[in-house]
Amino acid sequence: MAGEEYARIFSWGNSPRRKGDYELASPSEPLDLPQTLLEPLLTRYASQNGFHCRFSTELVSFDQLPEDAGVHCTLRDLVSDLTYTVRCKHLFGADGGRSRIVKSLELPFTEKPGGGFAINLLIEADMSHIIDDRKGNLHWLLQPDREAPDFAWIGCIRMVKPWHEWICIVFPKPGAERKARPAEDYVDRVRELIGDDSISFKIKGVSTWQINETSANVYSKGSVFCLGDAVHRHPPNHGLGSNTCVQDAHNLAWKVAYVNRGWAGPALLDSYNAERQPVGQDVVFQANASLRNHIEIWRLLGNFEANPSDGAAALRELKEDSPAGFKRRARFQAALKLIDREEHGLGVEMNQRYISTAIYTADEPEPRPAFARDPVEHYQPSTYPGARLPHAWLSNAVPSKAISTLDLAGKGHFTLLTGIGGDGWLEAAKQVGAELGVPLEAFSIGYGKQWADRYLEWQKLREVEECGCVLVRPDYFIAWRCSRWEKDGMERLGRAMRSVLSR
């Protein structure tokens, strides 16, 4: 951490070349919030809003009841050793990478050879004085010119709380034994990775994790639905772990609510697997591909050399005025470009395109358009059914606090967006919503309408005429759209809603 720096790249929208992309994609700024800080917030909210959080409790077994009558679960309180039963309509297996629920369901998986394992060390160390001139979130620490223990070969120090709490991730040498070690075994190595003996530190926790390339082919069976790390397991590259887990839950929650309230047919729940399984599979692939890009950098900087003297020679060659030095630098810079693609992977974060019965494309005159740019690096907004609702700033005609198109949607209801000449859609939404007994809100955007298109961005993004409409699901994804208002608009809207809701 206190040593020589070989390369630095921008990340998560901080590059001057990419800031605009991130601001156009979302009204929100990226937030780096580790799981250790996120989980207490979620738990507090859940416990204060009607959810019973039972700690020190394990699921012993479950049985699905016949005729979709629910699930019978046996739980054990680990403090009292009391066993009791809970009957529920649905069981959600969000029980992580060692999911018992997934094993019990015998869900099929696609699993590629693992990439070994890594160790997370939670450390407390005030490094503020060495960070001033090298501020960064993620620091890869390579020391090919030094001896390193097999169990802590390469290091990566990641900021948790600036600049005194960190996760130090250590990667063993390939083939090293996976063994639980006490914190004191890592003290000398952490000191070497920090590189400043004046900094005192404390190792607060040690945990190991498997570098997986594993995804479930099916996410559910009967009334049991699995989500999160239980069904997609991968390294943390791209920072997509918790985000993908939350997206799974967001996709599933509104569908379960609608079915349980009688607003949708049970077949709506089948769309959860159809929509989320391809996303999880892609995230697993992209995260592992990005980790393999890092391995090329380790190789170019000498970490795979047979001994420290050869590793030191590789580092010297990087600085040489020689054909070999030029070649190594060129390969190194090419590898860094691939890492930049990872750290600015806005596309893989937001380019989901759902295909399922909960998406209605029967009125589309053309097939789904292909991506015009790299779909991993660049987000390409669209209102084609199955894409997420694009962000555009709106306000009142007499300027008020700006809101996003996203602020009009969500919150458990469907949303219809139209514009000048589309007043028929407003009445159609009211009647169809009442007829189906489903919350359906409608808004008009344009000159003299409910909302003004503040920077005229919505008219570029909506991909329908002013009098057309875009129908948005409760999870902010486009369910259907119609290019213009015509006399059969109400019939078309009703047909689309019934199809999406499996009614």
Protein backbone atom coordinates (compact mmCIF):
# COMPACT_ATOMS: atom_id res chain seq x y z
CA MET A 1 0.00 0.00 0.00
CA ALA A 2 2.95 2.31 0.65
CA GLY A 3 5.02 1.14 -2.32
CA GLU A 4 5.46 1.82 -6.01
CA GLU A 5 2.34 2.10 -8.15
CA TYR A 6 2.34 0.44 -11.58
CA ALA A 7 -1.08 1.42 -12.86
CA ARG A 8 -4.29 3.20 -11.86
CA ILE A 9 -7.67 3.23 -13.55
CA PHE A 10 -10.93 5.08 -12.94
CA SER A 11 -13.96 3.12 -11.83
CA TRP A 12 -17.76 3.31 -11.49
CA GLY A 13 -18.35 6.46 -13.49
CA ASN A 14 -15.43 8.50 -12.18
CA SER A 15 -13.65 8.57 -15.54
CA PRO A 16 -14.12 11.96 -17.22
CA ARG A 17 -14.98 10.01 -20.38
CA ARG A 18 -17.75 8.02 -18.68
CA LYS A 19 -19.34 10.31 -16.06
CA GLY A 20 -22.03 11.43 -18.47
CA ASP A 21 -22.99 7.83 -19.26
CA TYR A 22 -23.69 7.17 -15.59
CA GLU A 23 -25.62 10.40 -15.07
CA LEU A 24 -27.78 9.71 -18.11
CA ALA A 25 -28.48 6.14 -16.98
CA SER A 26 -29.83 6.84 -13.49
CA PRO A 27 -30.97 9.63 -11.17
CA SER A 28 -28.92 7.99 -8.41
CA GLU A 29 -25.19 8.01 -7.81
CA PRO A 30 -23.31 4.73 -7.40
CA LEU A 31 -22.86 3.80 -3.75
CA ASP A 32 -20.12 1.55 -2.44
CA LEU A 33 -21.84 -0.20 0.46
CA PRO A 34 -20.28 -3.49 1.63
CA GLN A 35 -22.55 -6.27 2.82
CA THR A 36 -21.36 -5.78 6.41
CA LEU A 37 -22.99 -2.32 6.33
CA LEU A 38 -25.97 -3.11 4.09
CA GLU A 39 -27.35 -6.09 6.00
CA PRO A 40 -27.93 -4.23 9.31
CA LEU A 41 -29.90 -1.56 7.38
CA LEU A 42 -32.09 -4.18 5.72
CA THR A 43 -32.59 -6.07 8.96
CA ARG A 44 -33.59 -2.93 10.84
CA TYR A 45 -36.08 -1.93 8.16
CA ALA A 46 -37.56 -5.42 7.99
CA SER A 47 -37.93 -5.76 11.77
CA GLN A 48 -39.66 -2.38 11.99
CA ASN A 49 -42.08 -3.13 9.15
CA GLY A 50 -43.83 -6.33 10.13
CA PHE A 51 -41.21 -8.96 9.32
CA HIS A 52 -40.17 -11.43 12.00
CA CYS A 53 -36.40 -11.91 11.83
CA ARG A 54 -35.48 -15.10 13.70
CA PHE A 55 -31.77 -15.31 14.40
CA SER A 56 -29.95 -18.45 15.56
CA THR A 57 -32.54 -20.48 13.65
CA GLU A 58 -32.00 -23.15 11.01
CA LEU A 59 -34.26 -24.81 8.49
CA VAL A 60 -34.25 -28.52 9.27
CA SER A 61 -36.50 -29.69 6.42
CA PHE A 62 -39.50 -28.73 4.30
CA ASP A 63 -42.26 -30.52 2.43
CA GLN A 64 -44.39 -29.15 -0.37
CA LEU A 65 -48.07 -29.80 0.20
CA PRO A 66 -50.22 -31.29 -2.59
CA GLU A 67 -52.29 -29.17 -4.96
CA ASP A 68 -50.11 -26.08 -4.41
CA ALA A 69 -51.39 -25.78 -0.84
CA GLY A 70 -48.10 -24.32 0.38
CA VAL A 71 -44.97 -25.51 2.16
CA HIS A 72 -44.60 -27.16 5.55
CA CYS A 73 -41.25 -26.12 7.14
CA THR A 74 -39.51 -27.54 10.21
CA LEU A 75 -37.26 -25.05 12.02
CA ARG A 76 -34.87 -25.40 14.97
CA ASP A 77 -34.02 -22.67 17.48
CA LEU A 78 -30.29 -23.16 18.04
CA VAL A 79 -30.36 -21.49 21.47
CA SER A 80 -33.14 -23.54 23.05
CA ASP A 81 -32.84 -26.54 20.68
CA LEU A 82 -36.60 -26.28 20.25
CA THR A 83 -38.00 -27.65 16.98
CA TYR A 84 -41.22 -26.22 15.58
CA THR A 85 -43.14 -26.01 12.31
CA VAL A 86 -44.25 -23.16 10.06
CA ARG A 87 -46.72 -23.50 7.20
CA CYS A 88 -46.29 -20.92 4.44
CA LYS A 89 -47.68 -20.21 0.98
CA HIS A 90 -44.21 -19.96 -0.49
CA LEU A 91 -40.67 -20.70 0.63
CA PHE A 92 -37.87 -18.44 -0.63
CA GLY A 93 -34.40 -19.98 -0.64
CA ALA A 94 -32.10 -17.00 -0.18
CA ASP A 95 -29.73 -19.07 1.94
CA GLY A 96 -26.46 -18.38 0.12
CA GLY A 97 -23.84 -20.34 -1.75
CA ARG A 98 -24.22 -23.43 0.48
CA SER A 99 -28.01 -23.40 0.12
CA ARG A 100 -29.72 -26.36 1.80
CA ILE A 101 -32.95 -25.50 0.02
CA VAL A 102 -31.33 -25.76 -3.41
CA LYS A 103 -29.85 -29.15 -2.44
CA SER A 104 -33.19 -30.40 -1.15
CA LEU A 105 -34.92 -29.36 -4.38
CA GLU A 106 -32.15 -31.02 -6.41
CA LEU A 107 -32.09 -28.10 -8.83
CA PRO A 108 -29.85 -28.70 -11.86
CA PHE A 109 -26.69 -26.56 -12.10
CA THR A 110 -24.09 -25.69 -14.71
CA GLU A 111 -20.74 -25.74 -12.94
CA LYS A 112 -17.34 -25.05 -14.49
CA PRO A 113 -14.04 -25.96 -12.83
CA GLY A 114 -13.54 -23.70 -9.82
CA GLY A 115 -10.87 -21.03 -9.59
CA GLY A 116 -9.63 -22.07 -6.17
CA PHE A 117 -10.41 -20.12 -3.04
CA ALA A 118 -9.59 -16.85 -1.31
CA ILE A 119 -9.43 -15.52 2.24
CA ASN A 120 -11.05 -12.33 3.50
CA LEU A 121 -9.30 -10.59 6.39
CA LEU A 122 -11.26 -7.77 8.00
CA ILE A 123 -8.60 -5.38 9.30
CA GLU A 124 -8.55 -2.16 11.24
CA ALA A 125 -5.66 0.12 10.27
CA ASP A 126 -5.41 3.89 9.97
CA MET A 127 -3.83 4.35 6.53
CA SER A 128 -5.07 7.89 5.94
CA HIS A 129 -1.57 9.36 5.67
CA ILE A 130 -0.53 7.05 2.82
CA ILE A 131 -3.88 7.32 1.01
CA ASP A 132 -3.83 11.12 0.57
CA ASP A 133 -1.95 10.95 -2.73
CA ARG A 134 -3.25 7.57 -3.90
CA LYS A 135 -6.94 7.56 -3.08
CA GLY A 136 -8.59 4.44 -4.37
CA ASN A 137 -11.19 1.88 -3.48
CA LEU A 138 -9.48 -1.32 -4.54
CA HIS A 139 -5.73 -1.91 -4.37
CA TRP A 140 -4.10 -4.96 -5.96
CA LEU A 141 -0.82 -5.74 -4.23
CA LEU A 142 1.68 -7.79 -6.22
CA GLN A 143 5.17 -8.55 -4.90
CA PRO A 144 6.78 -10.90 -7.45
CA ASP A 145 10.28 -9.91 -6.28
CA ARG A 146 9.70 -11.24 -2.75
CA GLU A 147 9.09 -14.59 -1.16
CA ALA A 148 5.44 -15.08 -0.23
CA PRO A 149 3.75 -17.88 1.69
CA ASP A 150 1.73 -20.28 -0.43
CA PHE A 151 -1.40 -19.51 1.62
CA ALA A 152 -1.20 -15.72 1.00
CA TRP A 153 0.40 -15.22 -2.40
CA ILE A 154 -1.37 -12.13 -3.85
CA GLY A 155 -3.23 -9.45 -1.92
CA CYS A 156 -6.07 -7.05 -2.64
CA ILE A 157 -6.99 -4.40 -0.06
CA ARG A 158 -10.47 -2.97 -0.38
CA MET A 159 -11.75 0.03 1.54
CA VAL A 160 -14.70 -0.55 3.88
CA LYS A 161 -14.68 2.67 5.94
CA PRO A 162 -12.34 5.45 4.81
CA TRP A 163 -9.53 5.13 5.72
CA HIS A 164 -9.37 2.90 8.77
CA GLU A 165 -11.33 -0.29 8.01
CA TRP A 166 -10.46 -2.61 5.15
CA ILE A 167 -10.99 -6.05 3.69
CA CYS A 168 -7.64 -7.61 2.82
CA ILE A 169 -8.32 -10.40 0.33
CA VAL A 170 -5.46 -12.86 -0.05
CA PHE A 171 -5.22 -15.41 -2.83
CA PRO A 172 -3.20 -18.59 -2.22
CA LYS A 173 -0.87 -19.98 -4.85
CA PRO A 174 -2.56 -22.37 -7.29
CA GLY A 175 -2.78 -25.79 -5.68
CA ALA A 176 -2.29 -24.52 -2.13
CA GLU A 177 -4.11 -26.39 0.62
CA ARG A 178 -7.46 -24.97 1.69
CA LYS A 179 -7.06 -24.78 5.43
CA ALA A 180 -8.65 -22.73 8.19
CA ARG A 181 -5.93 -20.63 9.75
CA PRO A 182 -6.02 -18.37 12.80
CA ALA A 183 -5.63 -14.61 12.40
CA GLU A 184 -2.08 -14.65 13.78
CA ASP A 185 -0.90 -16.70 10.79
CA TYR A 186 -1.67 -13.72 8.54
CA VAL A 187 -0.10 -10.94 10.63
CA ASP A 188 3.31 -10.93 8.93
CA ARG A 189 1.78 -11.09 5.47
CA VAL A 190 -0.62 -8.21 6.15
CA ARG A 191 2.31 -6.16 7.44
CA GLU A 192 4.19 -6.84 4.19
CA LEU A 193 1.18 -5.89 2.09
CA ILE A 194 0.70 -2.61 3.94
CA GLY A 195 4.40 -1.83 3.57
CA ASP A 196 4.68 0.70 6.40
CA ASP A 197 5.78 -0.71 9.75
CA SER A 198 4.64 2.46 11.55
CA ILE A 199 1.00 1.49 10.87
CA SER A 200 -0.49 -0.66 13.60
CA PHE A 201 -3.34 -2.93 12.59
CA LYS A 202 -5.75 -5.47 14.00
CA ILE A 203 -7.22 -8.46 12.18
CA LYS A 204 -10.87 -8.50 13.27
CA GLY A 205 -12.08 -11.51 11.30
CA VAL A 206 -11.01 -14.28 8.93
CA SER A 207 -13.25 -16.07 6.41
CA THR A 208 -12.63 -18.19 3.32
CA TRP A 209 -14.68 -18.31 0.16
CA GLN A 210 -14.71 -20.41 -2.97
CA ILE A 211 -14.13 -18.83 -6.37
CA ASN A 212 -17.12 -20.33 -8.16
CA GLU A 213 -18.39 -20.37 -11.73
CA THR A 214 -21.72 -21.95 -10.99
CA SER A 215 -25.31 -21.11 -11.94
CA ALA A 216 -28.62 -22.90 -11.55
CA ASN A 217 -30.45 -23.89 -14.72
CA VAL A 218 -33.79 -23.62 -12.89
CA TYR A 219 -34.58 -21.29 -9.98
CA SER A 220 -37.81 -22.77 -8.64
CA LYS A 221 -39.85 -25.90 -8.15
CA GLY A 222 -43.49 -25.80 -7.09
CA SER A 223 -43.98 -23.23 -4.34
CA VAL A 224 -40.26 -22.94 -3.53
CA PHE A 225 -38.26 -20.18 -5.20
CA CYS A 226 -34.50 -19.78 -4.87
CA LEU A 227 -32.63 -16.53 -5.37
CA GLY A 228 -29.36 -14.74 -4.76
CA ASP A 229 -26.09 -16.58 -4.21
CA ALA A 230 -28.05 -19.81 -3.82
CA VAL A 231 -28.49 -19.89 -7.62
CA HIS A 232 -25.59 -17.80 -9.00
CA ARG A 233 -22.14 -18.10 -7.46
CA HIS A 234 -19.20 -16.09 -8.73
CA PRO A 235 -16.27 -13.90 -7.65
CA PRO A 236 -16.94 -10.23 -6.77
CA ASN A 237 -15.61 -8.79 -10.05
CA HIS A 238 -17.93 -6.15 -11.54
CA GLY A 239 -19.49 -5.71 -8.07
CA LEU A 240 -22.63 -7.54 -9.21
CA GLY A 241 -23.16 -9.91 -6.27
CA SER A 242 -25.53 -8.12 -3.94
CA ASN A 243 -27.00 -6.12 -6.83
CA THR A 244 -28.03 -9.28 -8.66
CA CYS A 245 -29.47 -10.74 -5.45
CA VAL A 246 -31.60 -7.63 -4.88
CA GLN A 247 -32.77 -7.72 -8.50
CA ASP A 248 -33.88 -11.34 -8.06
CA ALA A 249 -35.96 -10.35 -5.04
CA HIS A 250 -37.38 -7.26 -6.77
CA ASN A 251 -38.46 -9.35 -9.74
CA LEU A 252 -40.09 -12.03 -7.59
CA ALA A 253 -41.71 -9.92 -4.87
CA TRP A 254 -44.33 -8.09 -6.94
CA LYS A 255 -45.29 -11.27 -8.77
CA VAL A 256 -45.87 -13.17 -5.53
CA ALA A 257 -47.87 -10.25 -4.14
CA TYR A 258 -50.07 -10.02 -7.23
CA VAL A 259 -50.76 -13.76 -7.29
CA ASN A 260 -51.54 -13.91 -3.56
CA ARG A 261 -53.96 -10.98 -3.89
CA GLY A 262 -55.73 -12.56 -6.83
CA TRP A 263 -54.58 -9.85 -9.26
CA ALA A 264 -52.61 -12.30 -11.40
CA GLY A 265 -52.80 -15.96 -12.34
CA PRO A 266 -50.36 -18.46 -10.79
CA ALA A 267 -48.57 -18.81 -14.15
CA LEU A 268 -47.09 -15.32 -13.62
CA LEU A 269 -44.65 -16.92 -11.17
CA ASP A 270 -43.17 -19.02 -13.99
CA SER A 271 -41.78 -15.82 -15.50
CA TYR A 272 -39.39 -15.42 -12.55
CA ASN A 273 -37.19 -18.24 -13.76
CA ALA A 274 -37.51 -17.24 -17.42
CA GLU A 275 -36.37 -13.69 -16.70
CA ARG A 276 -33.78 -14.03 -13.96
CA GLN A 277 -31.98 -17.27 -14.83
CA PRO A 278 -30.35 -15.86 -18.02
CA VAL A 279 -29.26 -12.77 -16.06
CA GLY A 280 -27.66 -14.83 -13.31
CA GLN A 281 -25.94 -17.07 -15.84
CA ASP A 282 -24.47 -14.04 -17.65
CA VAL A 283 -23.28 -12.42 -14.42
CA VAL A 284 -21.47 -15.63 -13.42
CA PHE A 285 -19.73 -15.72 -16.81
CA GLN A 286 -18.76 -12.03 -16.85
CA ALA A 287 -17.43 -12.02 -13.28
CA ASN A 288 -15.20 -15.02 -13.93
CA ALA A 289 -14.03 -13.70 -17.30
CA SER A 290 -12.99 -10.47 -15.58
CA LEU A 291 -11.09 -12.36 -12.88
CA ARG A 292 -9.20 -14.20 -15.62
CA ASN A 293 -8.24 -10.79 -17.06
CA HIS A 294 -6.58 -10.00 -13.72
CA ILE A 295 -4.56 -13.21 -13.94
CA GLU A 296 -2.96 -11.93 -17.15
CA ILE A 297 -1.78 -8.84 -15.27
CA TRP A 298 -0.33 -11.02 -12.51
CA ARG A 299 1.57 -12.93 -15.19
CA LEU A 300 2.90 -9.78 -16.92
CA LEU A 301 4.15 -8.35 -13.61
CA GLY A 302 6.07 -11.52 -12.82
CA ASN A 303 3.96 -13.27 -10.23
CA PHE A 304 4.08 -16.61 -12.04
CA GLU A 305 7.87 -16.63 -12.33
CA ALA A 306 9.70 -19.51 -10.65
CA ASN A 307 11.48 -17.40 -8.02
CA PRO A 308 11.73 -13.81 -6.72
CA SER A 309 14.81 -13.01 -8.82
CA ASP A 310 12.91 -13.87 -12.02
CA GLY A 311 9.94 -11.87 -10.72
CA ALA A 312 12.21 -8.88 -10.16
CA ALA A 313 13.56 -9.28 -13.70
CA ALA A 314 10.02 -9.12 -15.10
CA LEU A 315 9.42 -5.86 -13.22
CA ARG A 316 12.69 -4.42 -14.54
CA GLU A 317 11.79 -5.42 -18.09
CA LEU A 318 8.59 -3.38 -17.79
CA LYS A 319 10.79 -0.26 -17.48
CA GLU A 320 13.43 -1.16 -20.07
CA ASP A 321 14.12 0.69 -23.29
CA SER A 322 14.21 -2.53 -25.27
CA PRO A 323 12.01 -4.55 -27.66
CA ALA A 324 11.13 -6.89 -24.79
CA GLY A 325 10.26 -3.93 -22.56
CA PHE A 326 8.10 -2.36 -25.26
CA LYS A 327 6.27 -5.65 -25.82
CA ARG A 328 5.62 -6.21 -22.12
CA ARG A 329 4.33 -2.65 -21.66
CA ALA A 330 2.02 -2.99 -24.66
CA ARG A 331 0.58 -6.25 -23.33
CA PHE A 332 0.23 -4.73 -19.87
CA GLN A 333 -1.68 -1.71 -21.20
CA ALA A 334 -3.94 -3.95 -23.27
CA ALA A 335 -4.72 -5.99 -20.15
CA LEU A 336 -5.53 -2.80 -18.25
CA LYS A 337 -8.08 -1.84 -20.91
CA LEU A 338 -9.95 -5.05 -20.15
CA ILE A 339 -9.94 -4.17 -16.44
CA ASP A 340 -11.34 -0.75 -17.31
CA ARG A 341 -14.16 -2.57 -19.12
CA GLU A 342 -14.89 -4.35 -15.85
CA GLU A 343 -14.78 -1.24 -13.65
CA HIS A 344 -17.00 0.67 -16.09
CA GLY A 345 -19.31 -2.25 -16.94
CA LEU A 346 -22.45 -0.13 -16.92
CA GLY A 347 -23.97 -2.32 -19.61
CA VAL A 348 -23.78 -5.57 -17.69
CA GLU A 349 -25.38 -3.74 -14.76
CA MET A 350 -28.37 -2.32 -16.67
CA ASN A 351 -28.85 -3.98 -20.07
CA GLN A 352 -31.17 -6.76 -18.93
CA ARG A 353 -33.66 -7.76 -21.63
CA TYR A 354 -36.41 -10.00 -20.27
CA ILE A 355 -38.24 -12.51 -22.47
CA SER A 356 -41.20 -14.20 -20.78
CA THR A 357 -44.98 -14.39 -20.61
CA ALA A 358 -44.85 -11.30 -18.36
CA ILE A 359 -43.59 -9.29 -21.35
CA TYR A 360 -46.02 -8.58 -24.22
CA THR A 361 -44.43 -8.12 -27.65
CA ALA A 362 -47.33 -9.15 -29.92
CA ASP A 363 -47.84 -5.53 -31.01
CA GLU A 364 -44.19 -4.99 -31.95
CA PRO A 365 -43.73 -4.61 -35.73
CA GLU A 366 -40.01 -5.46 -35.54
CA PRO A 367 -38.02 -8.06 -33.62
CA ARG A 368 -36.00 -7.07 -30.57
CA PRO A 369 -33.13 -4.82 -31.76
CA ALA A 370 -29.55 -5.96 -31.30
CA PHE A 371 -27.16 -3.94 -29.15
CA ALA A 372 -25.34 -1.30 -31.18
CA ARG A 373 -22.41 -1.04 -28.74
CA ASP A 374 -20.54 -3.35 -26.37
CA PRO A 375 -23.38 -4.59 -24.11
CA VAL A 376 -21.00 -5.16 -21.18
CA GLU A 377 -19.47 -1.69 -21.17
CA HIS A 378 -22.30 0.55 -22.41
CA TYR A 379 -25.91 0.82 -21.23
CA GLN A 380 -28.30 1.19 -24.18
CA PRO A 381 -31.69 2.47 -22.99
CA SER A 382 -34.81 1.29 -24.77
CA THR A 383 -38.55 1.03 -24.23
CA TYR A 384 -38.76 -2.24 -26.16
CA PRO A 385 -40.78 -4.60 -23.93
CA GLY A 386 -38.44 -6.43 -21.57
CA ALA A 387 -36.00 -3.54 -21.08
CA ARG A 388 -35.82 -1.40 -17.96
CA LEU A 389 -37.62 1.95 -17.97
CA PRO A 390 -35.11 4.62 -19.11
CA HIS A 391 -34.36 7.52 -16.79
CA ALA A 392 -35.24 11.07 -17.89
CA TRP A 393 -35.64 14.17 -15.73
CA LEU A 394 -39.15 15.63 -15.39
CA SER A 395 -40.57 18.67 -13.57
CA ASN A 396 -43.57 20.95 -13.50
CA ALA A 397 -43.96 23.53 -16.26
CA VAL A 398 -43.17 26.19 -13.66
CA PRO A 399 -39.90 24.54 -12.64
CA SER A 400 -40.13 22.51 -9.48
CA LYS A 401 -37.84 19.94 -7.93
CA ALA A 402 -36.89 17.54 -10.69
CA ILE A 403 -38.03 13.92 -10.52
CA SER A 404 -37.15 10.95 -12.67
CA THR A 405 -39.43 8.93 -14.91
CA LEU A 406 -38.52 6.15 -12.47
CA ASP A 407 -40.21 8.10 -9.66
CA LEU A 408 -43.55 7.73 -11.46
CA ALA A 409 -43.24 3.95 -11.54
CA GLY A 410 -42.80 1.16 -9.00
CA LYS A 411 -44.35 1.17 -5.53
CA GLY A 412 -46.44 -1.89 -6.30
CA HIS A 413 -48.40 -0.51 -9.26
CA PHE A 414 -48.28 -0.63 -13.04
CA THR A 415 -47.61 2.71 -14.72
CA LEU A 416 -48.65 3.98 -18.14
CA LEU A 417 -46.73 6.92 -19.65
CA THR A 418 -48.12 8.91 -22.57
CA GLY A 419 -47.95 12.44 -24.00
CA ILE A 420 -49.71 15.04 -26.14
CA GLY A 421 -52.56 13.42 -28.06
CA GLY A 422 -52.60 10.44 -25.71
CA ASP A 423 -55.42 11.49 -23.38
CA GLY A 424 -57.33 8.40 -24.46
CA TRP A 425 -54.72 6.27 -22.70
CA LEU A 426 -55.40 8.04 -19.40
CA GLU A 427 -59.06 7.05 -19.51
CA ALA A 428 -58.20 3.58 -20.79
CA ALA A 429 -55.80 3.01 -17.90
CA LYS A 430 -58.47 4.05 -15.41
CA GLN A 431 -61.06 1.68 -16.88
CA VAL A 432 -58.73 -1.30 -17.42
CA GLY A 433 -57.29 -0.94 -13.91
CA ALA A 434 -60.79 -0.88 -12.43
CA GLU A 435 -61.97 -3.81 -14.56
CA LEU A 436 -58.99 -5.98 -13.57
CA GLY A 437 -58.86 -4.73 -9.98
CA VAL A 438 -55.17 -3.93 -10.44
CA PRO A 439 -53.38 -0.67 -9.44
CA LEU A 440 -52.61 1.08 -12.72
CA GLU A 441 -51.55 4.72 -12.71
CA ALA A 442 -51.18 6.89 -15.81
CA PHE A 443 -49.20 10.08 -16.44
CA SER A 444 -48.85 12.41 -19.38
CA ILE A 445 -45.50 13.99 -20.26
CA GLY A 446 -45.11 16.99 -22.57
CA TYR A 447 -45.95 20.66 -23.04
CA GLY A 448 -49.03 21.54 -20.99
CA LYS A 449 -49.28 18.06 -19.48
CA GLN A 450 -48.85 16.72 -15.94
CA TRP A 451 -45.09 16.61 -16.28
CA ALA A 452 -42.68 18.59 -18.44
CA ASP A 453 -39.84 16.82 -20.22
CA ARG A 454 -37.21 18.92 -18.43
CA TYR A 455 -34.29 18.42 -20.84
CA LEU A 456 -36.32 16.93 -23.72
CA GLU A 457 -34.65 13.60 -23.04
CA TRP A 458 -37.83 11.55 -22.71
CA GLN A 459 -38.86 12.36 -26.28
CA LYS A 460 -35.54 10.83 -27.46
CA LEU A 461 -35.89 7.75 -25.28
CA ARG A 462 -39.57 6.81 -25.46
CA GLU A 463 -39.39 5.26 -28.98
CA VAL A 464 -43.14 5.79 -29.50
CA GLU A 465 -45.05 8.77 -30.87
CA GLU A 466 -46.23 11.53 -28.54
CA CYS A 467 -49.69 9.99 -28.51
CA GLY A 468 -48.31 6.50 -27.93
CA CYS A 469 -47.81 4.84 -24.56
CA VAL A 470 -45.32 2.83 -22.54
CA LEU A 471 -46.59 0.39 -19.90
CA VAL A 472 -44.23 -0.21 -16.97
CA ARG A 473 -44.36 -3.11 -14.49
CA PRO A 474 -43.98 -2.59 -10.73
CA ASP A 475 -40.29 -3.58 -11.03
CA TYR A 476 -39.56 -0.73 -13.52
CA PHE A 477 -39.38 -3.01 -16.58
CA ILE A 478 -41.36 -2.32 -19.74
CA ALA A 479 -44.31 -4.70 -20.06
CA TRP A 480 -45.72 -3.38 -23.36
CA ARG A 481 -45.86 -0.31 -25.54
CA CYS A 482 -48.02 1.05 -28.32
CA SER A 483 -46.75 3.48 -30.96
CA ARG A 484 -49.86 5.71 -31.01
CA TRP A 485 -53.37 6.11 -29.64
CA GLU A 486 -56.12 4.64 -31.81
CA LYS A 487 -59.75 3.78 -31.16
CA ASP A 488 -58.94 0.24 -30.08
CA GLY A 489 -56.39 1.49 -27.52
CA MET A 490 -58.40 0.38 -24.50
CA GLU A 491 -58.85 -3.09 -25.96
CA ARG A 492 -55.12 -3.34 -26.71
CA LEU A 493 -54.17 -2.20 -23.20
CA GLY A 494 -56.55 -4.71 -21.62
CA ARG A 495 -55.23 -7.51 -23.80
CA ALA A 496 -51.62 -6.68 -22.89
CA MET A 497 -52.39 -6.45 -19.16
CA ARG A 498 -54.23 -9.78 -19.15
CA SER A 499 -51.38 -11.47 -20.98
CA VAL A 500 -48.71 -10.05 -18.65
CA LEU A 501 -50.74 -11.06 -15.57
CA SER A 502 -51.53 -14.56 -16.90
CA ARG A 503 -55.27 -13.92 -16.68
